[in-house]
All heavy atoms as atom14 arrays in JSON, in Angstrom:
{
  "sequence": "FARQKQLPVTYKGESVGDFRIDLLVEDQVVIELKSVERHAPVFEAQLL",
  "atom14_mask": [
    [1, 1, 1, 1, 1, 1, 1, 1, 1, 1, 1, 0, 0, 0],
    [1, 1, 1, 1, 1, 0, 0, 0, 0, 0, 0, 0, 0, 0],
    [1, 1, 1, 1, 1, 1, 1, 1, 1, 1, 1, 0, 0, 0],
    [1, 1, 1, 1, 1, 1, 1, 1, 1, 0, 0, 0, 0, 0],
    [1, 1, 1, 1, 1, 1, 1, 1, 1, 0, 0, 0, 0, 0],
    [1, 1, 1, 1, 1, 1, 1, 1, 1, 0, 0, 0, 0, 0],
    [1, 1, 1, 1, 1, 1, 1, 1, 0, 0, 0, 0, 0, 0],
    [1, 1, 1, 1, 1, 1, 1, 0, 0, 0, 0, 0, 0, 0],
    [1, 1, 1, 1, 1, 1, 1, 0, 0, 0, 0, 0, 0, 0],
    [1, 1, 1, 1, 1, 1, 1, 0, 0, 0, 0, 0, 0, 0],
    [1, 1, 1, 1, 1, 1, 1, 1, 1, 1, 1, 1, 0, 0],
    [1, 1, 1, 1, 1, 1, 1, 1, 1, 0, 0, 0, 0, 0],
    [1, 1, 1, 1, 0, 0, 0, 0, 0, 0, 0, 0, 0, 0],
    [1, 1, 1, 1, 1, 1, 1, 1, 1, 0, 0, 0, 0, 0],
    [1, 1, 1, 1, 1, 1, 0, 0, 0, 0, 0, 0, 0, 0],
    [1, 1, 1, 1, 1, 1, 1, 0, 0, 0, 0, 0, 0, 0],
    [1, 1, 1, 1, 0, 0, 0, 0, 0, 0, 0, 0, 0, 0],
    [1, 1, 1, 1, 1, 1, 1, 1, 0, 0, 0, 0, 0, 0],
    [1, 1, 1, 1, 1, 1, 1, 1, 1, 1, 1, 0, 0, 0],
    [1, 1, 1, 1, 1, 1, 1, 1, 1, 1, 1, 0, 0, 0],
    [1, 1, 1, 1, 1, 1, 1, 1, 0, 0, 0, 0, 0, 0],
    [1, 1, 1, 1, 1, 1, 1, 1, 0, 0, 0, 0, 0, 0],
    [1, 1, 1, 1, 1, 1, 1, 1, 0, 0, 0, 0, 0, 0],
    [1, 1, 1, 1, 1, 1, 1, 1, 0, 0, 0, 0, 0, 0],
    [1, 1, 1, 1, 1, 1, 1, 0, 0, 0, 0, 0, 0, 0],
    [1, 1, 1, 1, 1, 1, 1, 1, 1, 0, 0, 0, 0, 0],
    [1, 1, 1, 1, 1, 1, 1, 1, 0, 0, 0, 0, 0, 0],
    [1, 1, 1, 1, 1, 1, 1, 1, 1, 0, 0, 0, 0, 0],
    [1, 1, 1, 1, 1, 1, 1, 0, 0, 0, 0, 0, 0, 0],
    [1, 1, 1, 1, 1, 1, 1, 0, 0, 0, 0, 0, 0, 0],
    [1, 1, 1, 1, 1, 1, 1, 1, 0, 0, 0, 0, 0, 0],
    [1, 1, 1, 1, 1, 1, 1, 1, 1, 0, 0, 0, 0, 0],
    [1, 1, 1, 1, 1, 1, 1, 1, 0, 0, 0, 0, 0, 0],
    [1, 1, 1, 1, 1, 1, 1, 1, 1, 0, 0, 0, 0, 0],
    [1, 1, 1, 1, 1, 1, 0, 0, 0, 0, 0, 0, 0, 0],
    [1, 1, 1, 1, 1, 1, 1, 0, 0, 0, 0, 0, 0, 0],
    [1, 1, 1, 1, 1, 1, 1, 1, 1, 0, 0, 0, 0, 0],
    [1, 1, 1, 1, 1, 1, 1, 1, 1, 1, 1, 0, 0, 0],
    [1, 1, 1, 1, 1, 1, 1, 1, 1, 1, 0, 0, 0, 0],
    [1, 1, 1, 1, 1, 0, 0, 0, 0, 0, 0, 0, 0, 0],
    [1, 1, 1, 1, 1, 1, 1, 0, 0, 0, 0, 0, 0, 0],
    [1, 1, 1, 1, 1, 1, 1, 0, 0, 0, 0, 0, 0, 0],
    [1, 1, 1, 1, 1, 1, 1, 1, 1, 1, 1, 0, 0, 0],
    [1, 1, 1, 1, 1, 1, 1, 1, 1, 0, 0, 0, 0, 0],
    [1, 1, 1, 1, 1, 0, 0, 0, 0, 0, 0, 0, 0, 0],
    [1, 1, 1, 1, 1, 1, 1, 1, 1, 0, 0, 0, 0, 0],
    [1, 1, 1, 1, 1, 1, 1, 1, 0, 0, 0, 0, 0, 0],
    [1, 1, 1, 1, 1, 1, 1, 1, 0, 0, 0, 0, 0, 0]
  ],
  "atom14_positions": [
    [[63.85, -39.97, -41.33], [63.99, -38.99, -42.36], [62.92, -39.01, -43.43], [62.17, -39.93, -43.46], [65.4, -39.13, -43.05], [65.42, -40.38, -43.88], [65.11, -40.38, -45.3], [65.73, -41.7, -43.38], [65.02, -41.61, -46.01], [65.69, -42.8, -44.04], [65.4, -42.78, -45.42], [0.0, 0.0, 0.0], [0.0, 0.0, 0.0], [0.0, 0.0, 0.0]],
    [[62.79, -37.88, -44.09], [61.89, -37.7, -45.23], [62.68, -37.26, -46.45], [63.51, -36.29, -46.33], [60.82, -36.82, -44.93], [0.0, 0.0, 0.0], [0.0, 0.0, 0.0], [0.0, 0.0, 0.0], [0.0, 0.0, 0.0], [0.0, 0.0, 0.0], [0.0, 0.0, 0.0], [0.0, 0.0, 0.0], [0.0, 0.0, 0.0], [0.0, 0.0, 0.0]],
    [[62.55, -37.84, -47.64], [63.22, -37.45, -48.81], [62.27, -36.62, -49.61], [61.06, -36.79, -49.71], [63.52, -38.77, -49.68], [64.66, -39.7, -49.25], [64.85, -40.75, -50.08], [65.39, -40.29, -51.39], [65.59, -41.13, -52.47], [65.39, -42.45, -52.2], [66.06, -40.73, -53.53], [0.0, 0.0, 0.0], [0.0, 0.0, 0.0], [0.0, 0.0, 0.0]],
    [[62.95, -35.64, -50.31], [62.23, -34.69, -51.24], [61.0, -34.18, -50.46], [59.86, -34.04, -51.13], [61.86, -35.35, -52.54], [63.1, -35.7, -53.28], [63.93, -34.49, -53.67], [63.36, -33.53, -54.17], [65.24, -34.47, -53.46], [0.0, 0.0, 0.0], [0.0, 0.0, 0.0], [0.0, 0.0, 0.0], [0.0, 0.0, 0.0], [0.0, 0.0, 0.0]],
    [[61.07, -33.78, -49.25], [60.05, -33.21, -48.4], [59.56, -31.86, -49.04], [60.35, -30.88, -49.16], [60.56, -32.94, -46.98], [59.6, -32.21, -46.04], [58.64, -33.35, -45.5], [57.8, -32.58, -44.4], [56.83, -33.4, -43.87], [0.0, 0.0, 0.0], [0.0, 0.0, 0.0], [0.0, 0.0, 0.0], [0.0, 0.0, 0.0], [0.0, 0.0, 0.0]],
    [[58.27, -31.83, -49.43], [57.74, -30.76, -50.13], [57.06, -29.74, -49.07], [56.31, -30.29, -48.23], [56.7, -31.12, -51.15], [56.11, -30.04, -51.96], [55.23, -30.54, -53.13], [55.39, -31.49, -53.57], [54.21, -29.73, -53.37], [0.0, 0.0, 0.0], [0.0, 0.0, 0.0], [0.0, 0.0, 0.0], [0.0, 0.0, 0.0], [0.0, 0.0, 0.0]],
    [[57.47, -28.62, -49.12], [56.89, -27.52, -48.15], [56.43, -26.3, -48.89], [56.96, -25.84, -49.89], [58.01, -27.23, -47.21], [58.5, -28.3, -46.26], [59.68, -27.75, -45.32], [57.43, -28.7, -45.35], [0.0, 0.0, 0.0], [0.0, 0.0, 0.0], [0.0, 0.0, 0.0], [0.0, 0.0, 0.0], [0.0, 0.0, 0.0], [0.0, 0.0, 0.0]],
    [[55.37, -25.69, -48.31], [54.77, -24.57, -49.05], [55.6, -23.31, -48.84], [56.2, -23.19, -47.87], [53.39, -24.44, -48.39], [53.46, -24.95, -47.08], [54.57, -26.07, -47.24], [0.0, 0.0, 0.0], [0.0, 0.0, 0.0], [0.0, 0.0, 0.0], [0.0, 0.0, 0.0], [0.0, 0.0, 0.0], [0.0, 0.0, 0.0], [0.0, 0.0, 0.0]],
    [[55.54, -22.42, -49.81], [56.14, -21.02, -49.72], [54.99, -20.07, -49.65], [54.11, -20.05, -50.54], [57.16, -20.74, -50.86], [57.59, -19.29, -50.79], [58.2, -21.8, -50.93], [0.0, 0.0, 0.0], [0.0, 0.0, 0.0], [0.0, 0.0, 0.0], [0.0, 0.0, 0.0], [0.0, 0.0, 0.0], [0.0, 0.0, 0.0], [0.0, 0.0, 0.0]],
    [[55.02, -19.14, -48.7], [54.04, -18.11, -48.66], [54.7, -16.8, -48.75], [55.8, -16.57, -48.29], [53.17, -18.09, -47.38], [54.01, -17.98, -46.26], [52.34, -19.34, -47.21], [0.0, 0.0, 0.0], [0.0, 0.0, 0.0], [0.0, 0.0, 0.0], [0.0, 0.0, 0.0], [0.0, 0.0, 0.0], [0.0, 0.0, 0.0], [0.0, 0.0, 0.0]],
    [[54.13, -15.83, -49.42], [54.56, -14.43, -49.56], [53.41, -13.46, -49.12], [52.4, -13.6, -49.68], [55.08, -14.22, -51.01], [55.47, -12.81, -51.15], [56.78, -12.41, -50.72], [54.68, -11.89, -51.7], [57.2, -11.07, -50.78], [55.1, -10.56, -51.92], [56.36, -10.21, -51.48], [56.77, -8.86, -51.65], [0.0, 0.0, 0.0], [0.0, 0.0, 0.0]],
    [[53.64, -12.74, -48.01], [52.67, -11.83, -47.43], [51.37, -12.52, -47.31], [50.25, -12.02, -47.7], [52.56, -10.63, -48.47], [53.89, -9.79, -48.43], [53.67, -8.45, -49.16], [54.98, -7.7, -49.02], [54.91, -6.41, -49.7], [0.0, 0.0, 0.0], [0.0, 0.0, 0.0], [0.0, 0.0, 0.0], [0.0, 0.0, 0.0], [0.0, 0.0, 0.0]],
    [[51.45, -13.68, -46.76], [50.18, -14.42, -46.37], [49.51, -15.29, -47.56], [48.51, -15.94, -47.4], [0.0, 0.0, 0.0], [0.0, 0.0, 0.0], [0.0, 0.0, 0.0], [0.0, 0.0, 0.0], [0.0, 0.0, 0.0], [0.0, 0.0, 0.0], [0.0, 0.0, 0.0], [0.0, 0.0, 0.0], [0.0, 0.0, 0.0], [0.0, 0.0, 0.0]],
    [[50.1, -15.2, -48.76], [49.62, -15.91, -49.85], [50.52, -17.01, -50.26], [51.68, -16.88, -50.34], [49.51, -14.92, -51.11], [48.53, -13.75, -50.94], [47.04, -14.18, -50.81], [46.71, -15.18, -51.46], [46.35, -13.46, -49.99], [0.0, 0.0, 0.0], [0.0, 0.0, 0.0], [0.0, 0.0, 0.0], [0.0, 0.0, 0.0], [0.0, 0.0, 0.0]],
    [[49.93, -18.21, -50.5], [50.69, -19.32, -51.07], [51.17, -18.99, -52.48], [50.42, -18.62, -53.32], [49.71, -20.55, -51.13], [50.49, -21.62, -51.56], [0.0, 0.0, 0.0], [0.0, 0.0, 0.0], [0.0, 0.0, 0.0], [0.0, 0.0, 0.0], [0.0, 0.0, 0.0], [0.0, 0.0, 0.0], [0.0, 0.0, 0.0], [0.0, 0.0, 0.0]],
    [[52.48, -19.16, -52.67], [53.07, -18.83, -54.0], [53.75, -19.92, -54.61], [54.36, -19.93, -55.75], [54.03, -17.66, -53.86], [53.2, -16.31, -53.52], [55.11, -17.91, -52.98], [0.0, 0.0, 0.0], [0.0, 0.0, 0.0], [0.0, 0.0, 0.0], [0.0, 0.0, 0.0], [0.0, 0.0, 0.0], [0.0, 0.0, 0.0], [0.0, 0.0, 0.0]],
    [[53.78, -21.11, -53.99], [54.41, -22.28, -54.55], [54.9, -23.25, -53.42], [54.54, -23.14, -52.28], [0.0, 0.0, 0.0], [0.0, 0.0, 0.0], [0.0, 0.0, 0.0], [0.0, 0.0, 0.0], [0.0, 0.0, 0.0], [0.0, 0.0, 0.0], [0.0, 0.0, 0.0], [0.0, 0.0, 0.0], [0.0, 0.0, 0.0], [0.0, 0.0, 0.0]],
    [[55.81, -24.09, -53.78], [56.39, -25.11, -53.02], [57.92, -25.19, -53.24], [58.41, -24.78, -54.29], [55.82, -26.45, -53.2], [54.25, -26.48, -52.95], [53.91, -26.07, -51.9], [53.62, -27.01, -53.92], [0.0, 0.0, 0.0], [0.0, 0.0, 0.0], [0.0, 0.0, 0.0], [0.0, 0.0, 0.0], [0.0, 0.0, 0.0], [0.0, 0.0, 0.0]],
    [[58.65, -25.71, -52.3], [60.02, -26.11, -52.43], [60.34, -27.53, -51.84], [59.43, -28.01, -51.04], [60.95, -25.08, -51.82], [60.94, -24.99, -50.29], [61.95, -25.58, -49.61], [60.02, -24.39, -49.58], [61.96, -25.63, -48.11], [59.87, -24.31, -48.21], [60.93, -24.97, -47.58], [0.0, 0.0, 0.0], [0.0, 0.0, 0.0], [0.0, 0.0, 0.0]],
    [[61.34, -28.11, -52.26], [61.64, -29.45, -51.74], [63.02, -29.58, -51.07], [63.92, -28.99, -51.51], [61.65, -30.45, -53.0], [60.33, -30.76, -53.57], [60.43, -31.7, -54.67], [59.2, -31.83, -55.35], [58.18, -32.8, -55.07], [58.3, -33.49, -54.08], [57.07, -32.81, -55.78], [0.0, 0.0, 0.0], [0.0, 0.0, 0.0], [0.0, 0.0, 0.0]],
    [[62.96, -30.14, -49.94], [64.18, -30.27, -49.2], [64.71, -31.67, -49.53], [63.96, -32.69, -49.63], [63.95, -30.29, -47.56], [63.46, -28.86, -47.28], [65.12, -30.73, -46.95], [62.91, -28.8, -45.93], [0.0, 0.0, 0.0], [0.0, 0.0, 0.0], [0.0, 0.0, 0.0], [0.0, 0.0, 0.0], [0.0, 0.0, 0.0], [0.0, 0.0, 0.0]],
    [[66.07, -31.86, -49.89], [66.63, -33.19, -50.21], [66.29, -34.19, -49.17], [65.66, -35.18, -49.48], [68.1, -32.97, -50.52], [68.44, -32.31, -51.74], [67.59, -32.09, -52.65], [69.6, -31.9, -51.96], [0.0, 0.0, 0.0], [0.0, 0.0, 0.0], [0.0, 0.0, 0.0], [0.0, 0.0, 0.0], [0.0, 0.0, 0.0], [0.0, 0.0, 0.0]],
    [[66.68, -33.81, -48.0], [66.4, -34.78, -46.77], [66.13, -33.89, -45.58], [66.74, -32.89, -45.28], [67.62, -35.67, -46.49], [67.96, -36.72, -47.49], [69.38, -37.21, -47.27], [67.0, -37.8, -47.51], [0.0, 0.0, 0.0], [0.0, 0.0, 0.0], [0.0, 0.0, 0.0], [0.0, 0.0, 0.0], [0.0, 0.0, 0.0], [0.0, 0.0, 0.0]],
    [[64.98, -34.3, -44.86], [64.73, -33.66, -43.63], [64.85, -34.89, -42.6], [64.18, -35.67, -42.65], [63.27, -33.15, -43.59], [62.86, -32.4, -42.26], [63.84, -31.27, -41.97], [61.51, -31.91, -42.35], [0.0, 0.0, 0.0], [0.0, 0.0, 0.0], [0.0, 0.0, 0.0], [0.0, 0.0, 0.0], [0.0, 0.0, 0.0], [0.0, 0.0, 0.0]],
    [[65.84, -34.68, -41.69], [66.17, -35.71, -40.73], [65.59, -35.4, -39.39], [65.78, -34.34, -38.84], [67.74, -35.95, -40.7], [68.09, -36.92, -39.56], [68.3, -36.19, -42.02], [0.0, 0.0, 0.0], [0.0, 0.0, 0.0], [0.0, 0.0, 0.0], [0.0, 0.0, 0.0], [0.0, 0.0, 0.0], [0.0, 0.0, 0.0], [0.0, 0.0, 0.0]],
    [[64.8, -36.43, -38.88], [64.18, -36.32, -37.51], [63.43, -34.97, -37.45], [63.31, -34.43, -36.29], [65.31, -36.38, -36.41], [66.11, -37.66, -36.29], [65.36, -38.89, -35.82], [64.27, -38.63, -35.18], [65.79, -40.0, -36.03], [0.0, 0.0, 0.0], [0.0, 0.0, 0.0], [0.0, 0.0, 0.0], [0.0, 0.0, 0.0], [0.0, 0.0, 0.0]],
    [[62.78, -34.58, -38.55], [61.86, -33.28, -38.54], [62.73, -32.18, -37.94], [62.01, -31.1, -37.47], [60.69, -33.53, -37.72], [59.67, -34.55, -38.33], [59.61, -34.44, -39.57], [59.11, -35.35, -37.62], [0.0, 0.0, 0.0], [0.0, 0.0, 0.0], [0.0, 0.0, 0.0], [0.0, 0.0, 0.0], [0.0, 0.0, 0.0], [0.0, 0.0, 0.0]],
    [[64.02, -32.19, -37.98], [64.86, -31.02, -37.33], [66.0, -30.61, -38.33], [66.31, -29.4, -38.34], [65.5, -31.57, -36.07], [64.52, -32.09, -34.98], [65.21, -32.72, -33.86], [66.34, -32.43, -33.57], [64.58, -33.73, -33.32], [0.0, 0.0, 0.0], [0.0, 0.0, 0.0], [0.0, 0.0, 0.0], [0.0, 0.0, 0.0], [0.0, 0.0, 0.0]],
    [[66.6, -31.41, -38.98], [67.88, -31.05, -39.67], [67.68, -31.17, -41.18], [67.3, -32.19, -41.76], [69.14, -31.99, -39.37], [70.33, -31.67, -40.07], [69.29, -31.92, -37.86], [0.0, 0.0, 0.0], [0.0, 0.0, 0.0], [0.0, 0.0, 0.0], [0.0, 0.0, 0.0], [0.0, 0.0, 0.0], [0.0, 0.0, 0.0], [0.0, 0.0, 0.0]],
    [[67.83, -30.04, -41.86], [67.73, -29.89, -43.33], [69.09, -30.4, -44.02], [70.05, -29.89, -43.53], [67.41, -28.54, -43.83], [67.36, -28.43, -45.3], [66.01, -28.07, -43.21], [0.0, 0.0, 0.0], [0.0, 0.0, 0.0], [0.0, 0.0, 0.0], [0.0, 0.0, 0.0], [0.0, 0.0, 0.0], [0.0, 0.0, 0.0], [0.0, 0.0, 0.0]],
    [[68.96, -31.24, -44.87], [70.14, -31.69, -45.6], [70.0, -31.33, -47.13], [69.07, -31.7, -47.81], [70.3, -33.29, -45.54], [70.14, -33.77, -44.11], [71.69, -33.75, -46.21], [71.27, -33.39, -43.17], [0.0, 0.0, 0.0], [0.0, 0.0, 0.0], [0.0, 0.0, 0.0], [0.0, 0.0, 0.0], [0.0, 0.0, 0.0], [0.0, 0.0, 0.0]],
    [[71.0, -30.56, -47.57], [71.11, -30.17, -48.91], [72.3, -30.89, -49.56], [73.47, -30.69, -49.11], [71.21, -28.61, -49.14], [71.33, -28.13, -50.51], [70.11, -28.51, -51.35], [68.98, -28.8, -50.85], [70.3, -28.62, -52.58], [0.0, 0.0, 0.0], [0.0, 0.0, 0.0], [0.0, 0.0, 0.0], [0.0, 0.0, 0.0], [0.0, 0.0, 0.0]],
    [[72.01, -31.72, -50.43], [73.14, -32.53, -51.22], [73.59, -31.86, -52.37], [72.72, -31.31, -53.21], [72.64, -33.94, -51.38], [72.19, -34.71, -50.16], [71.56, -36.06, -50.54], [73.29, -34.84, -49.06], [0.0, 0.0, 0.0], [0.0, 0.0, 0.0], [0.0, 0.0, 0.0], [0.0, 0.0, 0.0], [0.0, 0.0, 0.0], [0.0, 0.0, 0.0]],
    [[74.93, -32.05, -52.66], [75.4, -31.6, -53.91], [76.5, -32.61, -54.34], [77.04, -33.32, -53.62], [76.18, -30.24, -53.75], [75.3, -29.11, -53.34], [74.24, -28.64, -54.47], [73.34, -27.51, -53.95], [72.17, -27.43, -54.91], [0.0, 0.0, 0.0], [0.0, 0.0, 0.0], [0.0, 0.0, 0.0], [0.0, 0.0, 0.0], [0.0, 0.0, 0.0]],
    [[76.67, -32.49, -55.69], [77.79, -33.32, -56.36], [78.32, -32.47, -57.42], [78.18, -32.74, -58.49], [77.33, -34.66, -56.81], [78.41, -35.37, -57.35], [0.0, 0.0, 0.0], [0.0, 0.0, 0.0], [0.0, 0.0, 0.0], [0.0, 0.0, 0.0], [0.0, 0.0, 0.0], [0.0, 0.0, 0.0], [0.0, 0.0, 0.0], [0.0, 0.0, 0.0]],
    [[79.18, -31.48, -56.94], [79.67, -30.42, -57.88], [81.17, -30.27, -57.64], [81.73, -30.46, -56.57], [78.88, -29.06, -57.68], [77.48, -29.23, -58.07], [79.1, -28.57, -56.24], [0.0, 0.0, 0.0], [0.0, 0.0, 0.0], [0.0, 0.0, 0.0], [0.0, 0.0, 0.0], [0.0, 0.0, 0.0], [0.0, 0.0, 0.0], [0.0, 0.0, 0.0]],
    [[81.83, -29.75, -58.78], [83.24, -29.47, -58.62], [83.62, -28.3, -57.76], [84.54, -28.34, -57.03], [83.92, -29.34, -60.05], [84.09, -30.68, -60.75], [84.96, -30.41, -62.06], [85.83, -29.59, -62.05], [84.49, -31.05, -63.0], [0.0, 0.0, 0.0], [0.0, 0.0, 0.0], [0.0, 0.0, 0.0], [0.0, 0.0, 0.0], [0.0, 0.0, 0.0]],
    [[82.87, -27.27, -57.92], [83.11, -26.01, -57.29], [81.94, -25.62, -56.35], [80.71, -25.73, -56.8], [83.23, -24.87, -58.31], [84.55, -25.04, -59.1], [84.86, -23.76, -59.8], [86.07, -24.07, -60.66], [86.23, -23.6, -61.87], [85.25, -22.84, -62.35], [87.27, -23.84, -62.58], [0.0, 0.0, 0.0], [0.0, 0.0, 0.0], [0.0, 0.0, 0.0]],
    [[82.32, -25.19, -55.14], [81.33, -24.66, -54.25], [80.96, -23.3, -54.6], [81.79, -22.49, -54.8], [81.96, -24.76, -52.79], [80.98, -24.26, -51.78], [80.08, -24.96, -51.17], [80.95, -22.98, -51.29], [79.43, -24.23, -50.37], [79.92, -23.07, -50.33], [0.0, 0.0, 0.0], [0.0, 0.0, 0.0], [0.0, 0.0, 0.0], [0.0, 0.0, 0.0]],
    [[79.68, -23.02, -54.59], [79.21, -21.72, -54.93], [78.46, -21.12, -53.67], [77.75, -21.88, -52.97], [78.35, -21.7, -56.13], [0.0, 0.0, 0.0], [0.0, 0.0, 0.0], [0.0, 0.0, 0.0], [0.0, 0.0, 0.0], [0.0, 0.0, 0.0], [0.0, 0.0, 0.0], [0.0, 0.0, 0.0], [0.0, 0.0, 0.0], [0.0, 0.0, 0.0]],
    [[78.64, -19.84, -53.29], [77.93, -19.29, -52.22], [76.39, -19.4, -52.23], [75.73, -19.48, -51.22], [78.29, -17.76, -52.25], [79.65, -17.74, -52.91], [79.56, -18.88, -53.98], [0.0, 0.0, 0.0], [0.0, 0.0, 0.0], [0.0, 0.0, 0.0], [0.0, 0.0, 0.0], [0.0, 0.0, 0.0], [0.0, 0.0, 0.0], [0.0, 0.0, 0.0]],
    [[75.88, -19.51, -53.47], [74.42, -19.59, -53.52], [73.85, -20.96, -52.96], [72.83, -21.1, -52.5], [74.0, -19.54, -55.07], [74.37, -20.75, -55.88], [72.58, -19.33, -55.14], [0.0, 0.0, 0.0], [0.0, 0.0, 0.0], [0.0, 0.0, 0.0], [0.0, 0.0, 0.0], [0.0, 0.0, 0.0], [0.0, 0.0, 0.0], [0.0, 0.0, 0.0]],
    [[74.86, -22.0, -52.86], [74.37, -23.23, -52.22], [74.14, -23.02, -50.72], [73.19, -23.5, -50.21], [75.43, -24.31, -52.32], [75.83, -24.67, -53.77], [77.11, -25.19, -54.12], [74.91, -24.55, -54.76], [77.46, -25.55, -55.35], [75.19, -24.97, -56.13], [76.49, -25.48, -56.39], [0.0, 0.0, 0.0], [0.0, 0.0, 0.0], [0.0, 0.0, 0.0]],
    [[74.86, -22.25, -50.1], [74.8, -21.84, -48.72], [73.41, -21.01, -48.54], [72.63, -21.25, -47.57], [75.93, -21.07, -48.19], [77.19, -22.03, -48.17], [78.4, -21.18, -47.64], [78.2, -20.08, -47.07], [79.58, -21.72, -47.85], [0.0, 0.0, 0.0], [0.0, 0.0, 0.0], [0.0, 0.0, 0.0], [0.0, 0.0, 0.0], [0.0, 0.0, 0.0]],
    [[73.27, -20.02, -49.37], [72.04, -19.18, -49.36], [70.76, -20.05, -49.58], [69.87, -19.89, -48.88], [72.17, -18.16, -50.48], [0.0, 0.0, 0.0], [0.0, 0.0, 0.0], [0.0, 0.0, 0.0], [0.0, 0.0, 0.0], [0.0, 0.0, 0.0], [0.0, 0.0, 0.0], [0.0, 0.0, 0.0], [0.0, 0.0, 0.0], [0.0, 0.0, 0.0]],
    [[70.91, -20.94, -50.45], [69.79, -22.0, -50.71], [69.37, -22.76, -49.42], [68.27, -22.82, -49.06], [70.16, -22.93, -51.79], [69.03, -23.9, -52.18], [69.48, -24.89, -53.25], [70.69, -25.14, -53.45], [68.53, -25.49, -53.99], [0.0, 0.0, 0.0], [0.0, 0.0, 0.0], [0.0, 0.0, 0.0], [0.0, 0.0, 0.0], [0.0, 0.0, 0.0]],
    [[70.45, -23.33, -48.91], [70.2, -24.02, -47.63], [69.62, -23.23, -46.52], [68.67, -23.54, -45.76], [71.54, -24.76, -47.03], [71.39, -25.5, -45.71], [70.4, -26.59, -45.9], [72.79, -25.91, -45.38], [0.0, 0.0, 0.0], [0.0, 0.0, 0.0], [0.0, 0.0, 0.0], [0.0, 0.0, 0.0], [0.0, 0.0, 0.0], [0.0, 0.0, 0.0]],
    [[70.13, -22.06, -46.37], [69.66, -21.11, -45.27], [68.18, -20.76, -45.51], [67.42, -20.63, -44.67], [70.48, -19.81, -45.19], [71.92, -20.06, -44.62], [72.82, -18.89, -44.81], [71.82, -20.56, -43.18], [0.0, 0.0, 0.0], [0.0, 0.0, 0.0], [0.0, 0.0, 0.0], [0.0, 0.0, 0.0], [0.0, 0.0, 0.0], [0.0, 0.0, 0.0]]
  ]
}
C-alpha cells in the first residue's frame, strides 16, 4: 500500500493541482477513511 498517495489533477490538458488518496492498496484499490457521526453523500462523490 501507499499512504497519502499524491496524484496530479489535470483540466483540459493543464495541470491544476494535486489530490491525496488516504491509502492506495496494491496500486488498485482506493481507500477513503472517515471517522464521522453522519455519512454524507459527498463522501461517496469524493471517493468516486
